[in-house]
Amino acid sequence: MAGAVSKDSGIIGEYMEEKLKEKIREFGIKLIKENLTHGTSGNISCRINEKILITPSSIPYEKIELEDIIVVNFDGEVIEGRKNPSIETPLHLAIYKKRKDVHAIIHFHSQYALAVSSTVDSIPVFLDEIFSNIGGELKVAKYALPGSEELAQNVVEVLGDKNAVLLSNHGALSCGKNLEKAFEIAKAVEFICKIYVFASMVGKVKELPESGKEYQKDIFEMRKGF
């Protein structure tokens, strides 16, 4: 009986992995279609138990097959897949190790996020959407070489318990309990960066008053349960 349960658990685990691989491929194509990245830039991952599934390096999202998606353990060792995992695997692993609530991460190179990450150190809470989606000001992590442990630590430090962070001169990253949430946050980040660029062209950007921030903070905390 115990053997049968173990076998069934293995089959269920394999089924879940295949479904997550399909989701990763689906949202990779969505990133391209919604202009949230370009070419092979960026990467997507999901956590499943003590493993992560992550996009391969240097393959266009439209051409990624299920067998191209890499499975690595929490030591960064490839346990399934013949391609090279994304260069940013250390970054994804660092976030998963720090944040038990995160089960999906999207790193993307959208136009407005790239523009803002190359010019400022943070975006203050000037829109309702910033606190309710991100969890506070949208900070920019210090620059470090792609794929480096330094970059991973810079991002983890600035991300904290929020849903997104900008990477200096390098785009943005969003996270959530699943890919749907992480993608929703990615779209919100690009929207916020776009409005910030436009607002900065008009004049000085006005932050929300403290009462507005507190109200949005409550909404953010409430959404954590959904």
C-alpha atoms as a PDB file:
ATOM      1  CA  MET A   1       0.000   0.000   0.000  1.00  0.00           C
ATOM      2  CA  ALA A   2       2.777   2.432   0.916  1.00  0.00           C
ATOM      3  CA  GLY A   3       4.476   1.731  -2.409  1.00  0.00           C
ATOM      4  CA  ALA A   4       1.260   2.501  -4.284  1.00  0.00           C
ATOM      5  CA  VAL A   5       0.898   5.836  -2.504  1.00  0.00           C
ATOM      6  CA  SER A   6       4.517   6.729  -3.318  1.00  0.00           C
ATOM      7  CA  LYS A   7       3.984   5.825  -6.965  1.00  0.00           C
ATOM      8  CA  ASP A   8       0.800   7.889  -7.154  1.00  0.00           C
ATOM      9  CA  SER A   9       2.579  10.847  -5.551  1.00  0.00           C
ATOM     10  CA  GLY A  10       5.320  10.619  -8.151  1.00  0.00           C
ATOM     11  CA  ILE A  11       2.803  10.597 -10.995  1.00  0.00           C
ATOM     12  CA  ILE A  12       1.006  13.613  -9.536  1.00  0.00           C
ATOM     13  CA  GLY A  13       4.320  15.444  -9.130  1.00  0.00           C
ATOM     14  CA  GLU A  14       5.270  14.782 -12.755  1.00  0.00           C
ATOM     15  CA  TYR A  15       1.834  15.970 -13.903  1.00  0.00           C
ATOM     16  CA  MET A  16       2.194  19.196 -11.902  1.00  0.00           C
ATOM     17  CA  GLU A  17       5.650  19.835 -13.365  1.00  0.00           C
ATOM     18  CA  GLU A  18       4.335  19.407 -16.906  1.00  0.00           C
ATOM     19  CA  LYS A  19       1.484  21.827 -16.209  1.00  0.00           C
ATOM     20  CA  LEU A  20       3.891  24.405 -14.766  1.00  0.00           C
ATOM     21  CA  LYS A  21       6.149  24.046 -17.800  1.00  0.00           C
ATOM     22  CA  GLU A  22       3.137  24.754 -20.013  1.00  0.00           C
ATOM     23  CA  LYS A  23       2.366  27.843 -17.900  1.00  0.00           C
ATOM     24  CA  ILE A  24       5.958  29.090 -18.169  1.00  0.00           C
ATOM     25  CA  ARG A  25       5.870  28.735 -21.945  1.00  0.00           C
ATOM     26  CA  GLU A  26       2.450  30.427 -22.097  1.00  0.00           C
ATOM     27  CA  PHE A  27       3.536  33.435 -20.047  1.00  0.00           C
ATOM     28  CA  GLY A  28       6.815  33.737 -21.952  1.00  0.00           C
ATOM     29  CA  ILE A  29       4.815  34.252 -25.129  1.00  0.00           C
ATOM     30  CA  LYS A  30       2.567  36.726 -23.279  1.00  0.00           C
ATOM     31  CA  LEU A  31       5.632  38.759 -22.260  1.00  0.00           C
ATOM     32  CA  ILE A  32       6.517  39.192 -25.922  1.00  0.00           C
ATOM     33  CA  LYS A  33       2.953  39.887 -27.107  1.00  0.00           C
ATOM     34  CA  GLU A  34       2.392  42.554 -24.451  1.00  0.00           C
ATOM     35  CA  ASN A  35       5.779  44.220 -25.071  1.00  0.00           C
ATOM     36  CA  LEU A  36       7.067  43.411 -21.602  1.00  0.00           C
ATOM     37  CA  THR A  37      10.313  42.066 -23.006  1.00  0.00           C
ATOM     38  CA  HIS A  38      12.082  41.486 -26.324  1.00  0.00           C
ATOM     39  CA  GLY A  39      14.093  38.761 -28.005  1.00  0.00           C
ATOM     40  CA  THR A  40      15.481  36.378 -25.404  1.00  0.00           C
ATOM     41  CA  SER A  41      15.712  38.998 -22.657  1.00  0.00           C
ATOM     42  CA  GLY A  42      14.368  38.194 -19.211  1.00  0.00           C
ATOM     43  CA  ASN A  43      13.468  34.880 -17.593  1.00  0.00           C
ATOM     44  CA  ILE A  44      10.600  33.077 -15.857  1.00  0.00           C
ATOM     45  CA  SER A  45      10.571  30.511 -13.073  1.00  0.00           C
ATOM     46  CA  CYS A  46       8.251  28.592 -10.765  1.00  0.00           C
ATOM     47  CA  ARG A  47       8.912  26.831  -7.472  1.00  0.00           C
ATOM     48  CA  ILE A  48       7.633  23.307  -6.985  1.00  0.00           C
ATOM     49  CA  ASN A  49       8.564  21.671  -3.694  1.00  0.00           C
ATOM     50  CA  GLU A  50      12.368  21.882  -3.385  1.00  0.00           C
ATOM     51  CA  LYS A  51      12.963  22.477  -7.103  1.00  0.00           C
ATOM     52  CA  ILE A  52      12.496  25.335  -9.514  1.00  0.00           C
ATOM     53  CA  LEU A  53      11.545  25.259 -13.170  1.00  0.00           C
ATOM     54  CA  ILE A  54      13.228  28.018 -15.171  1.00  0.00           C
ATOM     55  CA  THR A  55      13.471  29.148 -18.761  1.00  0.00           C
ATOM     56  CA  PRO A  56      16.561  28.207 -20.758  1.00  0.00           C
ATOM     57  CA  SER A  57      19.262  30.643 -21.800  1.00  0.00           C
ATOM     58  CA  SER A  58      19.221  32.346 -25.206  1.00  0.00           C
ATOM     59  CA  ILE A  59      16.112  30.735 -26.710  1.00  0.00           C
ATOM     60  CA  PRO A  60      13.315  33.005 -28.027  1.00  0.00           C
ATOM     61  CA  TYR A  61      10.151  32.564 -25.971  1.00  0.00           C
ATOM     62  CA  GLU A  62       8.115  31.587 -29.040  1.00  0.00           C
ATOM     63  CA  LYS A  63      10.488  28.691 -29.720  1.00  0.00           C
ATOM     64  CA  ILE A  64      10.734  27.253 -26.206  1.00  0.00           C
ATOM     65  CA  GLU A  65       9.471  23.670 -25.987  1.00  0.00           C
ATOM     66  CA  LEU A  66       8.439  21.972 -22.763  1.00  0.00           C
ATOM     67  CA  GLU A  67      11.592  19.854 -22.749  1.00  0.00           C
ATOM     68  CA  ASP A  68      13.687  23.058 -22.997  1.00  0.00           C
ATOM     69  CA  ILE A  69      12.539  24.265 -19.570  1.00  0.00           C
ATOM     70  CA  ILE A  70      15.163  23.410 -16.979  1.00  0.00           C
ATOM     71  CA  VAL A  71      14.649  21.872 -13.538  1.00  0.00           C
ATOM     72  CA  VAL A  72      17.248  22.803 -10.917  1.00  0.00           C
ATOM     73  CA  ASN A  73      17.550  22.107  -7.213  1.00  0.00           C
ATOM     74  CA  PHE A  74      18.108  24.754  -4.554  1.00  0.00           C
ATOM     75  CA  ASP A  75      21.864  24.382  -4.955  1.00  0.00           C
ATOM     76  CA  GLY A  76      21.488  25.506  -8.562  1.00  0.00           C
ATOM     77  CA  GLU A  77      22.326  22.067  -9.954  1.00  0.00           C
ATOM     78  CA  VAL A  78      20.523  20.970 -13.120  1.00  0.00           C
ATOM     79  CA  ILE A  79      18.512  17.820 -12.423  1.00  0.00           C
ATOM     80  CA  GLU A  80      16.487  17.805 -15.648  1.00  0.00           C
ATOM     81  CA  GLY A  81      17.022  19.366 -19.060  1.00  0.00           C
ATOM     82  CA  ARG A  82      19.701  19.461 -21.744  1.00  0.00           C
ATOM     83  CA  LYS A  83      19.823  23.229 -22.271  1.00  0.00           C
ATOM     84  CA  ASN A  84      21.630  25.799 -20.148  1.00  0.00           C
ATOM     85  CA  PRO A  85      19.392  27.375 -17.484  1.00  0.00           C
ATOM     86  CA  SER A  86      18.930  31.146 -17.495  1.00  0.00           C
ATOM     87  CA  ILE A  87      22.000  33.087 -16.424  1.00  0.00           C
ATOM     88  CA  GLU A  88      19.815  34.660 -13.727  1.00  0.00           C
ATOM     89  CA  THR A  89      19.151  31.339 -11.973  1.00  0.00           C
ATOM     90  CA  PRO A  90      21.126  32.520  -8.880  1.00  0.00           C
ATOM     91  CA  LEU A  91      18.811  35.551  -8.651  1.00  0.00           C
ATOM     92  CA  HIS A  92      15.669  33.407  -8.720  1.00  0.00           C
ATOM     93  CA  LEU A  93      17.095  30.974  -6.178  1.00  0.00           C
ATOM     94  CA  ALA A  94      18.070  33.778  -3.796  1.00  0.00           C
ATOM     95  CA  ILE A  95      14.499  35.115  -3.801  1.00  0.00           C
ATOM     96  CA  TYR A  96      12.910  31.695  -3.301  1.00  0.00           C
ATOM     97  CA  LYS A  97      15.235  30.975  -0.387  1.00  0.00           C
ATOM     98  CA  LYS A  98      14.335  34.295   1.253  1.00  0.00           C
ATOM     99  CA  ARG A  99      10.621  34.393   0.442  1.00  0.00           C
ATOM    100  CA  LYS A 100       8.594  31.286   1.255  1.00  0.00           C
ATOM    101  CA  ASP A 101       5.459  33.021  -0.045  1.00  0.00           C
ATOM    102  CA  VAL A 102       6.869  33.391  -3.570  1.00  0.00           C
ATOM    103  CA  HIS A 103       6.199  30.585  -6.046  1.00  0.00           C
ATOM    104  CA  ALA A 104       6.711  32.420  -9.351  1.00  0.00           C
ATOM    105  CA  ILE A 105       9.163  35.046 -10.602  1.00  0.00           C
ATOM    106  CA  ILE A 106       9.286  37.037 -13.831  1.00  0.00           C
ATOM    107  CA  HIS A 107      12.317  39.114 -14.805  1.00  0.00           C
ATOM    108  CA  PHE A 108      11.498  41.347 -17.767  1.00  0.00           C
ATOM    109  CA  HIS A 109      12.986  44.102 -19.915  1.00  0.00           C
ATOM    110  CA  SER A 110      10.064  46.392 -20.753  1.00  0.00           C
ATOM    111  CA  GLN A 111      10.638  49.831 -22.264  1.00  0.00           C
ATOM    112  CA  TYR A 112       9.482  52.134 -19.479  1.00  0.00           C
ATOM    113  CA  ALA A 113      10.922  49.968 -16.712  1.00  0.00           C
ATOM    114  CA  LEU A 114      14.299  50.058 -18.482  1.00  0.00           C
ATOM    115  CA  ALA A 115      14.082  53.835 -18.896  1.00  0.00           C
ATOM    116  CA  VAL A 116      13.233  54.452 -15.241  1.00  0.00           C
ATOM    117  CA  SER A 117      15.726  51.912 -13.869  1.00  0.00           C
ATOM    118  CA  SER A 118      18.440  53.753 -15.785  1.00  0.00           C
ATOM    119  CA  THR A 119      17.668  57.180 -14.334  1.00  0.00           C
ATOM    120  CA  VAL A 120      16.335  57.076 -10.740  1.00  0.00           C
ATOM    121  CA  ASP A 121      16.892  55.235  -7.458  1.00  0.00           C
ATOM    122  CA  SER A 122      13.196  54.676  -6.715  1.00  0.00           C
ATOM    123  CA  ILE A 123       9.661  55.629  -7.692  1.00  0.00           C
ATOM    124  CA  PRO A 124       7.796  57.170  -4.738  1.00  0.00           C
ATOM    125  CA  VAL A 125       4.219  56.261  -3.894  1.00  0.00           C
ATOM    126  CA  PHE A 126       2.487  58.768  -6.156  1.00  0.00           C
ATOM    127  CA  LEU A 127      -0.286  56.496  -7.468  1.00  0.00           C
ATOM    128  CA  ASP A 128      -2.763  54.259  -5.662  1.00  0.00           C
ATOM    129  CA  GLU A 129      -1.573  51.364  -7.823  1.00  0.00           C
ATOM    130  CA  ILE A 130       1.965  51.537  -6.450  1.00  0.00           C
ATOM    131  CA  PHE A 131       1.201  50.565  -2.881  1.00  0.00           C
ATOM    132  CA  SER A 132      -1.742  48.297  -3.620  1.00  0.00           C
ATOM    133  CA  ASN A 133       0.255  46.303  -6.204  1.00  0.00           C
ATOM    134  CA  ILE A 134       3.882  46.645  -5.143  1.00  0.00           C
ATOM    135  CA  GLY A 135       3.624  47.130  -1.383  1.00  0.00           C
ATOM    136  CA  GLY A 136       5.340  50.523  -1.180  1.00  0.00           C
ATOM    137  CA  GLU A 137       7.750  52.596  -3.223  1.00  0.00           C
ATOM    138  CA  LEU A 138       9.190  50.862  -6.261  1.00  0.00           C
ATOM    139  CA  LYS A 139      12.902  50.733  -5.462  1.00  0.00           C
ATOM    140  CA  VAL A 140      15.848  50.211  -7.786  1.00  0.00           C
ATOM    141  CA  ALA A 141      18.439  47.571  -6.839  1.00  0.00           C
ATOM    142  CA  LYS A 142      22.074  48.585  -7.343  1.00  0.00           C
ATOM    143  CA  TYR A 143      23.728  47.480 -10.553  1.00  0.00           C
ATOM    144  CA  ALA A 144      25.779  44.296 -10.628  1.00  0.00           C
ATOM    145  CA  LEU A 145      26.777  41.963 -13.439  1.00  0.00           C
ATOM    146  CA  PRO A 146      23.979  39.726 -14.791  1.00  0.00           C
ATOM    147  CA  GLY A 147      24.038  36.281 -13.238  1.00  0.00           C
ATOM    148  CA  SER A 148      26.247  37.332 -10.331  1.00  0.00           C
ATOM    149  CA  GLU A 149      25.663  36.578  -6.672  1.00  0.00           C
ATOM    150  CA  GLU A 150      26.117  40.297  -6.063  1.00  0.00           C
ATOM    151  CA  LEU A 151      23.115  41.095  -8.248  1.00  0.00           C
ATOM    152  CA  ALA A 152      21.069  38.415  -6.481  1.00  0.00           C
ATOM    153  CA  GLN A 153      21.864  39.882  -3.056  1.00  0.00           C
ATOM    154  CA  ASN A 154      21.226  43.459  -4.243  1.00  0.00           C
ATOM    155  CA  VAL A 155      17.773  42.484  -5.494  1.00  0.00           C
ATOM    156  CA  VAL A 156      16.830  40.435  -2.412  1.00  0.00           C
ATOM    157  CA  GLU A 157      17.829  43.313  -0.135  1.00  0.00           C
ATOM    158  CA  VAL A 158      15.742  45.899  -1.968  1.00  0.00           C
ATOM    159  CA  LEU A 159      12.784  43.623  -2.744  1.00  0.00           C
ATOM    160  CA  GLY A 160      12.143  42.813   0.922  1.00  0.00           C
ATOM    161  CA  ASP A 161       8.537  41.640   1.266  1.00  0.00           C
ATOM    162  CA  LYS A 162       7.292  43.559  -1.782  1.00  0.00           C
ATOM    163  CA  ASN A 163       6.045  42.191  -5.088  1.00  0.00           C
ATOM    164  CA  ALA A 164       8.461  43.944  -7.439  1.00  0.00           C
ATOM    165  CA  VAL A 165      11.766  45.725  -7.818  1.00  0.00           C
ATOM    166  CA  LEU A 166      13.601  47.540 -10.604  1.00  0.00           C
ATOM    167  CA  LEU A 167      17.137  46.467 -11.496  1.00  0.00           C
ATOM    168  CA  SER A 168      19.438  49.396 -12.192  1.00  0.00           C
ATOM    169  CA  ASN A 169      20.035  49.687 -15.952  1.00  0.00           C
ATOM    170  CA  HIS A 170      18.606  46.190 -16.302  1.00  0.00           C
ATOM    171  CA  GLY A 171      14.800  46.163 -16.245  1.00  0.00           C
ATOM    172  CA  ALA A 172      12.461  44.810 -13.580  1.00  0.00           C
ATOM    173  CA  LEU A 173      11.370  41.771 -11.603  1.00  0.00           C
ATOM    174  CA  SER A 174       7.965  40.763 -10.265  1.00  0.00           C
ATOM    175  CA  CYS A 175       6.945  37.867  -8.060  1.00  0.00           C
ATOM    176  CA  GLY A 176       3.863  36.250  -6.610  1.00  0.00           C
ATOM    177  CA  LYS A 177       2.189  33.097  -5.366  1.00  0.00           C
ATOM    178  CA  ASN A 178       1.715  31.935  -8.972  1.00  0.00           C
ATOM    179  CA  LEU A 179       2.536  33.011 -12.522  1.00  0.00           C
ATOM    180  CA  GLU A 180      -0.795  34.745 -12.972  1.00  0.00           C
ATOM    181  CA  LYS A 181      -0.059  37.049 -10.017  1.00  0.00           C
ATOM    182  CA  ALA A 182       3.545  37.632 -11.045  1.00  0.00           C
ATOM    183  CA  PHE A 183       2.427  38.568 -14.570  1.00  0.00           C
ATOM    184  CA  GLU A 184      -0.270  40.883 -13.231  1.00  0.00           C
ATOM    185  CA  ILE A 185       2.391  42.667 -11.158  1.00  0.00           C
ATOM    186  CA  ALA A 186       4.733  42.871 -14.159  1.00  0.00           C
ATOM    187  CA  LYS A 187       2.047  44.704 -16.127  1.00  0.00           C
ATOM    188  CA  ALA A 188       1.413  47.015 -13.161  1.00  0.00           C
ATOM    189  CA  VAL A 189       5.151  47.826 -12.924  1.00  0.00           C
ATOM    190  CA  GLU A 190       5.315  48.830 -16.576  1.00  0.00           C
ATOM    191  CA  PHE A 191       2.160  50.950 -16.203  1.00  0.00           C
ATOM    192  CA  ILE A 192       3.583  52.702 -13.126  1.00  0.00           C
ATOM    193  CA  CYS A 193       6.894  53.387 -14.874  1.00  0.00           C
ATOM    194  CA  LYS A 194       5.082  54.757 -17.926  1.00  0.00           C
ATOM    195  CA  ILE A 195       2.967  57.169 -15.878  1.00  0.00           C
ATOM    196  CA  TYR A 196       6.047  58.190 -13.877  1.00  0.00           C
ATOM    197  CA  VAL A 197       7.888  59.098 -17.080  1.00  0.00           C
ATOM    198  CA  PHE A 198       4.944  61.165 -18.332  1.00  0.00           C
ATOM    199  CA  ALA A 199       4.398  62.851 -14.956  1.00  0.00           C
ATOM    200  CA  SER A 200       8.097  63.752 -14.686  1.00  0.00           C
ATOM    201  CA  MET A 201       7.892  65.450 -18.075  1.00  0.00           C
ATOM    202  CA  VAL A 202       4.987  67.615 -16.881  1.00  0.00           C
ATOM    203  CA  GLY A 203       6.465  68.706 -13.550  1.00  0.00           C
ATOM    204  CA  LYS A 204       7.370  67.608 -10.047  1.00  0.00           C
ATOM    205  CA  VAL A 205       5.769  64.300  -9.104  1.00  0.00           C
ATOM    206  CA  LYS A 206       3.519  64.599  -6.011  1.00  0.00           C
ATOM    207  CA  GLU A 207       3.486  61.737  -3.535  1.00  0.00           C
ATOM    208  CA  LEU A 208       0.264  60.446  -2.015  1.00  0.00           C
ATOM    209  CA  PRO A 209      -0.532  61.973   1.393  1.00  0.00           C
ATOM    210  CA  GLU A 210       0.034  59.700   4.394  1.00  0.00           C
ATOM    211  CA  SER A 211      -3.692  58.984   4.694  1.00  0.00           C
ATOM    212  CA  GLY A 212      -3.689  57.708   1.103  1.00  0.00           C
ATOM    213  CA  LYS A 213      -0.606  55.549   1.715  1.00  0.00           C
ATOM    214  CA  GLU A 214      -2.142  53.997   4.821  1.00  0.00           C
ATOM    215  CA  TYR A 215      -5.341  53.247   2.934  1.00  0.00           C
ATOM    216  CA  GLN A 216      -3.439  51.577   0.094  1.00  0.00           C
ATOM    217  CA  LYS A 217      -1.257  49.682   2.569  1.00  0.00           C
ATOM    218  CA  ASP A 218      -4.392  48.140   4.055  1.00  0.00           C
ATOM    219  CA  ILE A 219      -5.502  47.082   0.577  1.00  0.00           C
ATOM    220  CA  PHE A 220      -2.089  45.530  -0.089  1.00  0.00           C
ATOM    221  CA  GLU A 221      -2.216  43.544   3.140  1.00  0.00           C
ATOM    222  CA  MET A 222      -5.754  42.422   2.398  1.00  0.00           C
ATOM    223  CA  ARG A 223      -4.776  41.183  -1.092  1.00  0.00           C
ATOM    224  CA  LYS A 224      -2.058  38.933   0.330  1.00  0.00           C
ATOM    225  CA  GLY A 225      -4.726  36.456   1.300  1.00  0.00           C
ATOM    226  CA  PHE A 226      -6.102  36.124  -2.219  1.00  0.00           C
END
